[in-house]
């Protein structure tokens, strides 16, 4: 008489094979995800690799500045209303009503080579023409004339 041996049913073996297969699939998905992540993440985001020197810090270069002499002018027979202009430091300045001829002068300091913005706007109270002019460093850079009464217009560069 011998000891009875346990015989597993085919159903038991099939379940075990399925769970082993699932484990292999999960391992495969994780390996693929790791490989894709390692490929997609740029090398710079992971820091310097071995044998690569760290980037040296660079001191900012000194910026050369220039001064510009700016003159805004309004010329006409009947003054101007709602005068608005960009002054030193690009601050916006407004005056309700001015007598003509009118002008304002200021110095604007800025980085060399940078394009500066200059603007003056006014309403022509009419009748007659109202002319605006912008002079930078002695050179007229914008000029415009409005003849229609009540119309708002501007000179800008």
Protein backbone atom coordinates (compact mmCIF):
# COMPACT_ATOMS: atom_id res chain seq x y z
CA UNK A 1 0.00 0.00 0.00
CA UNK A 2 1.42 3.18 -0.90
CA UNK A 3 0.80 6.75 -0.02
CA UNK A 4 -1.72 8.33 -2.31
CA UNK A 5 -0.23 11.14 -4.36
CA UNK A 6 -2.08 14.30 -5.04
CA UNK A 7 -2.82 14.73 -8.66
CA UNK A 8 -3.59 18.16 -9.79
CA UNK A 9 -6.36 18.76 -12.14
CA UNK A 10 -5.74 20.36 -15.52
CA UNK A 11 -7.82 23.30 -14.36
CA UNK A 12 -5.39 24.01 -11.52
CA UNK A 13 -2.39 23.95 -13.86
CA UNK A 14 -4.06 26.23 -16.37
CA UNK A 15 -4.71 28.84 -13.65
CA UNK A 16 -1.11 28.74 -12.56
CA UNK A 17 0.07 29.14 -16.17
CA UNK A 18 -2.21 32.15 -16.59
CA UNK A 19 -0.87 33.86 -13.48
CA UNK A 20 2.74 33.23 -14.60
CA UNK A 21 1.88 34.69 -18.01
CA UNK A 22 0.33 37.78 -16.41
CA UNK A 23 3.45 38.26 -14.33
CA UNK A 24 5.61 38.14 -17.46
CA UNK A 25 3.34 40.67 -19.22
CA UNK A 26 3.50 43.08 -16.26
CA UNK A 27 7.29 42.77 -16.16
CA UNK A 28 7.42 43.46 -19.90
CA UNK A 29 5.25 46.58 -19.58
CA UNK A 30 7.39 47.91 -16.74
CA UNK A 31 10.60 47.29 -18.72
CA UNK A 32 9.14 49.07 -21.75
CA UNK A 33 8.01 52.04 -19.63
CA UNK A 34 11.48 52.31 -18.08
CA UNK A 35 13.16 52.16 -21.50
CA UNK A 36 10.86 54.85 -22.96
CA UNK A 37 11.35 57.13 -19.94
CA UNK A 38 15.13 56.76 -20.12
CA UNK A 39 15.06 57.62 -23.83
CA UNK A 40 12.61 60.55 -23.64
CA UNK A 41 13.98 62.38 -20.60
CA UNK A 42 16.68 64.71 -21.92
CA UNK A 43 20.18 64.20 -20.66
CA UNK A 44 20.36 67.76 -19.30
CA UNK A 45 17.40 67.12 -17.01
CA UNK A 46 19.29 64.24 -15.39
CA UNK A 47 22.28 66.41 -14.59
CA UNK A 48 25.82 66.24 -15.90
CA UNK A 49 27.06 62.80 -16.76
CA UNK A 50 30.42 61.37 -15.78
CA UNK A 51 33.32 63.03 -17.49
CA UNK A 52 31.37 66.21 -18.25
CA UNK A 53 32.42 69.38 -16.44
CA UNK A 54 29.68 71.36 -14.74
CA UNK A 55 28.78 74.61 -16.48
CA UNK A 56 30.78 77.55 -15.18
CA UNK A 57 28.75 80.48 -13.96
CA UNK A 58 29.08 83.53 -16.19
CA UNK A 59 28.90 87.05 -14.80
CA UNK A 60 26.40 89.26 -16.67
CA UNK A 61 28.01 91.66 -19.09
CA UNK A 62 27.80 95.36 -18.32
CA UNK A 63 25.13 97.06 -20.44
CA UNK A 64 26.18 100.32 -22.05
CA UNK A 65 23.53 103.03 -21.73
CA UNK A 66 22.86 106.10 -23.84
CA UNK A 67 21.02 109.37 -23.15
CA UNK A 68 18.46 110.64 -25.67
CA UNK A 69 17.23 114.23 -25.66
CA UNK A 70 13.50 114.13 -26.53
CA UNK A 71 11.21 117.06 -27.42
CA UNK A 72 7.45 116.76 -28.05
CA UNK A 73 5.83 119.75 -29.81
CA UNK A 74 2.26 120.77 -30.62
CA UNK A 75 1.80 123.66 -33.04
CA UNK A 76 -1.53 125.25 -33.95
CA UNK A 77 -3.73 128.34 -33.63
CA UNK A 78 -6.25 127.11 -31.04
CA UNK A 79 -4.32 125.04 -28.50
CA UNK A 80 -4.80 121.32 -27.90
CA UNK A 81 -6.90 119.11 -25.63
CA UNK A 82 -6.35 115.71 -24.01
CA UNK A 83 -2.57 115.79 -24.49
CA UNK A 84 -1.03 112.44 -23.56
CA UNK A 85 2.62 111.49 -23.94
CA UNK A 86 5.18 108.88 -22.91
CA UNK A 87 7.84 110.76 -20.94
CA UNK A 88 11.10 109.81 -19.21
CA UNK A 89 11.07 106.23 -17.96
CA UNK A 90 8.07 105.56 -20.26
CA UNK A 91 5.69 107.09 -17.71
CA UNK A 92 2.40 108.23 -19.21
CA UNK A 93 1.63 111.93 -18.64
CA UNK A 94 -1.66 113.70 -19.42
CA UNK A 95 -2.77 117.33 -19.61
CA UNK A 96 -6.39 118.32 -20.17
CA UNK A 97 -5.74 121.49 -22.18
CA UNK A 98 -2.61 123.33 -23.35
CA UNK A 99 -1.94 126.55 -25.25
CA UNK A 100 0.02 126.27 -28.50
CA UNK A 101 2.79 126.39 -29.36
CA UNK A 102 3.44 123.78 -26.65
CA UNK A 103 6.49 121.64 -26.00
CA UNK A 104 8.01 119.47 -23.35
CA UNK A 105 11.56 118.20 -23.16
CA UNK A 106 13.15 115.34 -21.21
CA UNK A 107 16.12 112.98 -21.32
CA UNK A 108 15.52 109.26 -21.63
CA UNK A 109 18.29 106.85 -20.60
CA UNK A 110 18.26 103.37 -22.08
CA UNK A 111 20.44 100.48 -23.25
CA UNK A 112 22.54 101.25 -26.32
CA UNK A 113 21.11 99.80 -29.52
CA UNK A 114 17.60 99.31 -28.16
CA UNK A 115 14.68 100.85 -30.04
CA UNK A 116 12.87 103.35 -27.84
CA UNK A 117 9.14 104.14 -27.99
CA UNK A 118 8.05 107.79 -28.19
CA UNK A 119 4.46 108.99 -28.46
CA UNK A 120 2.40 112.17 -28.11
CA UNK A 121 -1.37 112.33 -28.74
CA UNK A 122 -3.77 115.28 -28.69
CA UNK A 123 -7.26 116.36 -29.71
CA UNK A 124 -7.56 119.23 -32.19
CA UNK A 125 -10.09 121.72 -30.76
CA UNK A 126 -10.24 123.42 -34.22
CA UNK A 127 -10.85 125.22 -36.39
CA UNK A 128 -7.55 124.99 -38.25
CA UNK A 129 -4.65 122.61 -38.19
CA UNK A 130 -2.86 121.10 -35.19
CA UNK A 131 0.57 119.61 -35.80
CA UNK A 132 2.51 117.27 -33.53
CA UNK A 133 6.22 116.61 -33.81
CA UNK A 134 8.75 114.38 -32.02
CA UNK A 135 12.41 115.40 -32.07
CA UNK A 136 15.03 112.94 -30.73
CA UNK A 137 18.64 114.08 -30.40
CA UNK A 138 17.93 117.03 -32.71
CA UNK A 139 16.33 114.94 -35.48
CA UNK A 140 12.60 115.02 -36.32
CA UNK A 141 11.51 111.35 -36.08
CA UNK A 142 7.73 111.82 -36.38
CA UNK A 143 5.42 114.55 -37.59
CA UNK A 144 1.70 114.64 -38.29
CA UNK A 145 -0.99 117.27 -38.91
CA UNK A 146 -4.73 117.05 -38.14
CA UNK A 147 -7.14 119.56 -39.67
CA UNK A 148 -10.49 118.10 -38.58
CA UNK A 149 -11.84 119.76 -35.37
CA UNK A 150 -12.49 117.43 -32.43
CA UNK A 151 -10.35 114.63 -33.83
CA UNK A 152 -7.80 112.78 -31.67
CA UNK A 153 -4.50 111.98 -33.40
CA UNK A 154 -0.94 111.05 -32.47
CA UNK A 155 2.70 111.01 -33.46
CA UNK A 156 4.57 107.88 -32.49
CA UNK A 157 7.85 106.10 -33.15
